[in-house]
């Protein structure tokens, strides 16, 4: 193999590399404190204000399955009131292999997580566990605004007083 000069090996001209370095340096420079003082005071986003904690233990999922249920067109909501001193609302997500392959299960869980952030976080009651269970062919394909309406109605059904 013949020796190739170093300058010929580079696929980018040196001018482009220098310009790229300047752009990256400008993009990576943190803001100055004086720049931050000029920003208007705003409230943090709703996701920061939410107090939802994700369920991690299998036993918590099983206890939620024994609680109240509300089926909708896009998913099933399971909920139960905890009898502990923890004031946070907790949420879990389930998508079994009935949903489809890993791509569809992950897509269903992403949609359920987004629903929980947008709808469940403001409406959740302190001291409650919620589990959102994906439904085959519905959670992934249903329109997102319909899923939001489903979750609002499911929360109302779960929290409706039972006489």
C-alpha atoms as a PDB file:
ATOM      1  CA  UNK A   1       0.000   0.000   0.000  1.00  0.00           C
ATOM      2  CA  UNK A   2       1.509   3.372  -0.969  1.00  0.00           C
ATOM      3  CA  UNK A   3       2.051   5.948   1.747  1.00  0.00           C
ATOM      4  CA  UNK A   4      -0.610   8.644   1.741  1.00  0.00           C
ATOM      5  CA  UNK A   5       0.404  12.130   2.892  1.00  0.00           C
ATOM      6  CA  UNK A   6      -1.232  13.291   6.130  1.00  0.00           C
ATOM      7  CA  UNK A   7      -2.903  16.262   4.451  1.00  0.00           C
ATOM      8  CA  UNK A   8      -4.614  13.975   1.929  1.00  0.00           C
ATOM      9  CA  UNK A   9      -5.997  11.685   4.649  1.00  0.00           C
ATOM     10  CA  UNK A  10      -8.157  14.402   6.153  1.00  0.00           C
ATOM     11  CA  UNK A  11     -11.647  14.387   4.733  1.00  0.00           C
ATOM     12  CA  UNK A  12     -12.395  17.927   5.944  1.00  0.00           C
ATOM     13  CA  UNK A  13     -10.434  21.012   5.037  1.00  0.00           C
ATOM     14  CA  UNK A  14      -8.637  22.723   7.889  1.00  0.00           C
ATOM     15  CA  UNK A  15     -10.772  25.851   7.439  1.00  0.00           C
ATOM     16  CA  UNK A  16     -13.949  23.864   8.019  1.00  0.00           C
ATOM     17  CA  UNK A  17     -12.433  22.252  11.124  1.00  0.00           C
ATOM     18  CA  UNK A  18     -11.472  25.650  12.519  1.00  0.00           C
ATOM     19  CA  UNK A  19     -14.971  27.016  11.876  1.00  0.00           C
ATOM     20  CA  UNK A  20     -16.521  23.902  13.444  1.00  0.00           C
ATOM     21  CA  UNK A  21     -14.379  24.398  16.577  1.00  0.00           C
ATOM     22  CA  UNK A  22     -15.517  28.012  16.906  1.00  0.00           C
ATOM     23  CA  UNK A  23     -19.179  27.030  16.520  1.00  0.00           C
ATOM     24  CA  UNK A  24     -18.888  24.275  19.117  1.00  0.00           C
ATOM     25  CA  UNK A  25     -17.096  26.576  21.544  1.00  0.00           C
ATOM     26  CA  UNK A  26     -19.857  29.169  21.193  1.00  0.00           C
ATOM     27  CA  UNK A  27     -22.562  26.545  21.644  1.00  0.00           C
ATOM     28  CA  UNK A  28     -20.903  24.993  24.691  1.00  0.00           C
ATOM     29  CA  UNK A  29     -20.241  28.230  26.537  1.00  0.00           C
ATOM     30  CA  UNK A  30     -22.451  28.440  29.636  1.00  0.00           C
ATOM     31  CA  UNK A  31     -24.538  31.591  30.115  1.00  0.00           C
ATOM     32  CA  UNK A  32     -23.090  34.421  32.150  1.00  0.00           C
ATOM     33  CA  UNK A  33     -24.847  35.358  35.425  1.00  0.00           C
ATOM     34  CA  UNK A  34     -25.691  38.770  33.926  1.00  0.00           C
ATOM     35  CA  UNK A  35     -27.576  36.985  31.108  1.00  0.00           C
ATOM     36  CA  UNK A  36     -29.632  35.027  33.620  1.00  0.00           C
ATOM     37  CA  UNK A  37     -30.667  38.130  35.569  1.00  0.00           C
ATOM     38  CA  UNK A  38     -32.484  39.497  32.516  1.00  0.00           C
ATOM     39  CA  UNK A  39     -34.805  36.474  32.213  1.00  0.00           C
ATOM     40  CA  UNK A  40     -38.392  36.936  33.468  1.00  0.00           C
ATOM     41  CA  UNK A  41     -39.436  35.006  36.569  1.00  0.00           C
ATOM     42  CA  UNK A  42     -41.506  32.049  35.498  1.00  0.00           C
ATOM     43  CA  UNK A  43     -42.897  29.027  37.256  1.00  0.00           C
ATOM     44  CA  UNK A  44     -41.103  25.722  36.777  1.00  0.00           C
ATOM     45  CA  UNK A  45     -42.702  23.331  34.282  1.00  0.00           C
ATOM     46  CA  UNK A  46     -45.475  21.033  35.471  1.00  0.00           C
ATOM     47  CA  UNK A  47     -43.212  17.979  35.329  1.00  0.00           C
ATOM     48  CA  UNK A  48     -40.966  19.567  37.957  1.00  0.00           C
ATOM     49  CA  UNK A  49     -43.927  20.366  40.191  1.00  0.00           C
ATOM     50  CA  UNK A  50     -45.429  16.906  39.981  1.00  0.00           C
ATOM     51  CA  UNK A  51     -44.937  14.571  42.879  1.00  0.00           C
ATOM     52  CA  UNK A  52     -45.446  11.305  40.991  1.00  0.00           C
ATOM     53  CA  UNK A  53     -43.099   8.490  41.934  1.00  0.00           C
ATOM     54  CA  UNK A  54     -42.715   5.417  39.717  1.00  0.00           C
ATOM     55  CA  UNK A  55     -43.629   2.044  41.224  1.00  0.00           C
ATOM     56  CA  UNK A  56     -40.673  -0.349  41.317  1.00  0.00           C
ATOM     57  CA  UNK A  57     -41.773  -3.346  43.416  1.00  0.00           C
ATOM     58  CA  UNK A  58     -43.885  -6.185  42.033  1.00  0.00           C
ATOM     59  CA  UNK A  59     -45.857  -6.301  45.281  1.00  0.00           C
ATOM     60  CA  UNK A  60     -47.036  -2.718  44.696  1.00  0.00           C
ATOM     61  CA  UNK A  61     -48.366  -3.694  41.261  1.00  0.00           C
ATOM     62  CA  UNK A  62     -50.177  -6.694  42.750  1.00  0.00           C
ATOM     63  CA  UNK A  63     -51.759  -4.556  45.483  1.00  0.00           C
ATOM     64  CA  UNK A  64     -52.903  -2.003  42.889  1.00  0.00           C
ATOM     65  CA  UNK A  65     -54.492  -4.832  40.878  1.00  0.00           C
ATOM     66  CA  UNK A  66     -56.626  -5.637  43.939  1.00  0.00           C
ATOM     67  CA  UNK A  67     -57.904  -2.050  44.120  1.00  0.00           C
ATOM     68  CA  UNK A  68     -60.329  -0.091  41.977  1.00  0.00           C
ATOM     69  CA  UNK A  69     -60.300  -0.465  38.197  1.00  0.00           C
ATOM     70  CA  UNK A  70     -61.534   1.673  35.345  1.00  0.00           C
ATOM     71  CA  UNK A  71     -61.371   0.336  31.807  1.00  0.00           C
ATOM     72  CA  UNK A  72     -61.279   2.723  28.882  1.00  0.00           C
ATOM     73  CA  UNK A  73     -60.866   2.393  25.143  1.00  0.00           C
ATOM     74  CA  UNK A  74     -57.104   2.872  25.288  1.00  0.00           C
ATOM     75  CA  UNK A  75     -55.946   1.313  28.558  1.00  0.00           C
ATOM     76  CA  UNK A  76     -56.944   0.037  31.991  1.00  0.00           C
ATOM     77  CA  UNK A  77     -56.395   2.178  35.091  1.00  0.00           C
ATOM     78  CA  UNK A  78     -55.889   0.395  38.408  1.00  0.00           C
ATOM     79  CA  UNK A  79     -55.772   2.456  41.588  1.00  0.00           C
ATOM     80  CA  UNK A  80     -55.718   1.978  45.334  1.00  0.00           C
ATOM     81  CA  UNK A  81     -55.379   4.167  48.379  1.00  0.00           C
ATOM     82  CA  UNK A  82     -52.307   3.378  50.468  1.00  0.00           C
ATOM     83  CA  UNK A  83     -52.447   3.387  54.230  1.00  0.00           C
ATOM     84  CA  UNK A  84     -49.003   4.829  54.835  1.00  0.00           C
ATOM     85  CA  UNK A  85     -47.595   8.233  55.728  1.00  0.00           C
ATOM     86  CA  UNK A  86     -46.083   8.853  52.285  1.00  0.00           C
ATOM     87  CA  UNK A  87     -47.976  11.800  50.750  1.00  0.00           C
ATOM     88  CA  UNK A  88     -46.779  11.231  47.181  1.00  0.00           C
ATOM     89  CA  UNK A  89     -48.844   9.687  44.419  1.00  0.00           C
ATOM     90  CA  UNK A  90     -47.144   6.739  42.743  1.00  0.00           C
ATOM     91  CA  UNK A  91     -47.660   5.462  39.215  1.00  0.00           C
ATOM     92  CA  UNK A  92     -46.690   2.291  37.364  1.00  0.00           C
ATOM     93  CA  UNK A  93     -46.860   1.217  33.734  1.00  0.00           C
ATOM     94  CA  UNK A  94     -47.501  -2.231  32.299  1.00  0.00           C
ATOM     95  CA  UNK A  95     -47.319  -3.413  28.702  1.00  0.00           C
ATOM     96  CA  UNK A  96     -47.333  -7.200  28.338  1.00  0.00           C
ATOM     97  CA  UNK A  97     -46.268  -9.198  25.300  1.00  0.00           C
ATOM     98  CA  UNK A  98     -49.906  -9.173  24.166  1.00  0.00           C
ATOM     99  CA  UNK A  99     -49.222  -5.595  23.003  1.00  0.00           C
ATOM    100  CA  UNK A 100     -46.695  -6.822  20.437  1.00  0.00           C
ATOM    101  CA  UNK A 101     -42.956  -6.834  20.013  1.00  0.00           C
ATOM    102  CA  UNK A 102     -40.558  -4.642  21.997  1.00  0.00           C
ATOM    103  CA  UNK A 103     -41.066  -1.679  19.672  1.00  0.00           C
ATOM    104  CA  UNK A 104     -44.821  -1.607  20.286  1.00  0.00           C
ATOM    105  CA  UNK A 105     -44.467  -2.258  24.035  1.00  0.00           C
ATOM    106  CA  UNK A 106     -41.981   0.589  24.406  1.00  0.00           C
ATOM    107  CA  UNK A 107     -44.150   2.908  22.313  1.00  0.00           C
ATOM    108  CA  UNK A 108     -47.166   2.071  24.491  1.00  0.00           C
ATOM    109  CA  UNK A 109     -45.203   2.732  27.685  1.00  0.00           C
ATOM    110  CA  UNK A 110     -43.884   6.045  26.317  1.00  0.00           C
ATOM    111  CA  UNK A 111     -47.441   7.159  25.531  1.00  0.00           C
ATOM    112  CA  UNK A 112     -48.644   6.094  28.990  1.00  0.00           C
ATOM    113  CA  UNK A 113     -45.762   7.952  30.667  1.00  0.00           C
ATOM    114  CA  UNK A 114     -46.609  11.099  28.714  1.00  0.00           C
ATOM    115  CA  UNK A 115     -50.255  10.761  29.767  1.00  0.00           C
ATOM    116  CA  UNK A 116     -49.227  10.389  33.388  1.00  0.00           C
ATOM    117  CA  UNK A 117     -47.085  13.527  33.223  1.00  0.00           C
ATOM    118  CA  UNK A 118     -49.744  15.637  31.523  1.00  0.00           C
ATOM    119  CA  UNK A 119     -53.025  14.384  32.997  1.00  0.00           C
ATOM    120  CA  UNK A 120     -52.405  12.212  36.030  1.00  0.00           C
ATOM    121  CA  UNK A 121     -49.832  14.447  37.765  1.00  0.00           C
ATOM    122  CA  UNK A 122     -52.225  17.365  38.350  1.00  0.00           C
ATOM    123  CA  UNK A 123     -55.239  15.144  39.129  1.00  0.00           C
ATOM    124  CA  UNK A 124     -53.627  12.405  41.223  1.00  0.00           C
ATOM    125  CA  UNK A 125     -54.524  12.148  44.882  1.00  0.00           C
ATOM    126  CA  UNK A 126     -51.817  12.043  47.508  1.00  0.00           C
ATOM    127  CA  UNK A 127     -51.316   8.612  49.032  1.00  0.00           C
ATOM    128  CA  UNK A 128     -52.669   6.690  46.020  1.00  0.00           C
ATOM    129  CA  UNK A 129     -51.021   4.165  43.686  1.00  0.00           C
ATOM    130  CA  UNK A 130     -52.004   4.168  40.011  1.00  0.00           C
ATOM    131  CA  UNK A 131     -51.108   1.569  37.380  1.00  0.00           C
ATOM    132  CA  UNK A 132     -51.739   2.187  33.683  1.00  0.00           C
ATOM    133  CA  UNK A 133     -52.068  -1.086  31.760  1.00  0.00           C
ATOM    134  CA  UNK A 134     -51.709  -0.934  27.975  1.00  0.00           C
ATOM    135  CA  UNK A 135     -54.323  -2.610  25.780  1.00  0.00           C
ATOM    136  CA  UNK A 136     -53.417  -4.483  22.572  1.00  0.00           C
ATOM    137  CA  UNK A 137     -54.029  -2.506  19.352  1.00  0.00           C
ATOM    138  CA  UNK A 138     -55.472   0.423  21.321  1.00  0.00           C
ATOM    139  CA  UNK A 139     -52.792   2.198  23.351  1.00  0.00           C
ATOM    140  CA  UNK A 140     -50.430   2.552  20.397  1.00  0.00           C
ATOM    141  CA  UNK A 141     -52.965   3.327  17.675  1.00  0.00           C
ATOM    142  CA  UNK A 142     -55.559   5.451  19.523  1.00  0.00           C
ATOM    143  CA  UNK A 143     -55.418   9.221  19.026  1.00  0.00           C
ATOM    144  CA  UNK A 144     -53.556  10.963  21.834  1.00  0.00           C
ATOM    145  CA  UNK A 145     -56.350  13.426  22.626  1.00  0.00           C
ATOM    146  CA  UNK A 146     -58.715  10.470  23.068  1.00  0.00           C
ATOM    147  CA  UNK A 147     -56.222   8.844  25.438  1.00  0.00           C
ATOM    148  CA  UNK A 148     -56.149  12.059  27.480  1.00  0.00           C
ATOM    149  CA  UNK A 149     -59.947  12.102  27.682  1.00  0.00           C
ATOM    150  CA  UNK A 150     -59.894   8.397  28.615  1.00  0.00           C
ATOM    151  CA  UNK A 151     -57.515   9.048  31.505  1.00  0.00           C
ATOM    152  CA  UNK A 152     -59.560  11.964  32.817  1.00  0.00           C
ATOM    153  CA  UNK A 153     -62.737   9.857  32.807  1.00  0.00           C
ATOM    154  CA  UNK A 154     -60.923   6.871  34.346  1.00  0.00           C
ATOM    155  CA  UNK A 155     -59.604   9.016  37.205  1.00  0.00           C
ATOM    156  CA  UNK A 156     -63.131  10.293  37.829  1.00  0.00           C
ATOM    157  CA  UNK A 157     -64.495   6.720  37.844  1.00  0.00           C
ATOM    158  CA  UNK A 158     -61.820   5.480  40.225  1.00  0.00           C
ATOM    159  CA  UNK A 159     -62.335   8.350  42.675  1.00  0.00           C
ATOM    160  CA  UNK A 160     -66.126   8.285  42.499  1.00  0.00           C
ATOM    161  CA  UNK A 161     -67.542   7.652  45.987  1.00  0.00           C
ATOM    162  CA  UNK A 162     -69.012   4.218  46.348  1.00  0.00           C
ATOM    163  CA  UNK A 163     -72.091   3.989  48.481  1.00  0.00           C
END
